[in-house]
Amino acid sequence: MDGLAGDLPSDSTFVSQGNPDISGTIDFSIDPEVVRVVAEAFRLGYGYLFNPAFATEISLIDPLPHQRIAVYDHMLTQPRLRFLLADEPGGGKTIMAGLYIREMLARRLIRRILIVPPAGLIGNWERELRTLFSLDFRIIGGSDSNADNPFRGSNSDRLIVIPYAAMSETSSNCWKFSVINEASCWEYFVEKPSRTSWMAA
């Protein structure tokens, strides 16, 4: 049998002539939609190489100029981020932090993320990260810390810890990225250095 089809083995087995260790079976029975989704996911995994602001393309936000400047000109350029966002209330500090997290996750540079907001802003952080950036975070309260160590295990990569008193020395694991919201409130712990919350921070 002539042609390309005749060159394929009868059992549809492909063997690389250059490397006989690489072999597999060509399976045409897989749902084409599944193949398309997998290929698209693989392609998006390298989207940041073609668009330096890739996180803005996969998030439901339209960053303001000062937010883009802060994240892409200052925060992402630092090899080890230590950055203070001191904009006025309503300036979009949560958006900037979420945009940075989304961008770093897309670039596979961080995995374990810890967010420590005041108790009154827990819902705001969880809601905006979930709805605007498609990031699911687990909320940890004081009862969770007392019952078990929620800072370890496979379900501890993305945490929102509440309130400050919920933090303990057991939480001082290796976090690739941490956000302390309303950092001025930590003056309370500076005056009382025996607090384990301040030691964990």
Foldseek 3Di string as FASTA:
>chain_A
DDDDVVVADPQQKDADPVDRVDIDHDDPPDDVVVVVVVVVVVVLLCVCVVPVQSQVVQFQDDDDPVLCCCQRVPQVPDPQDDDDDDDDPPPCPLVSVLSNVLSCVSPVNFFAEEEAEEPVCPVVNQVCSCRGRVDHEAEDEQVNVVVDLLCDDPRNRHYYYPHLLSDAPSNLDDHSYYHYYPCVVCVVCVVVVVRRSVVSD
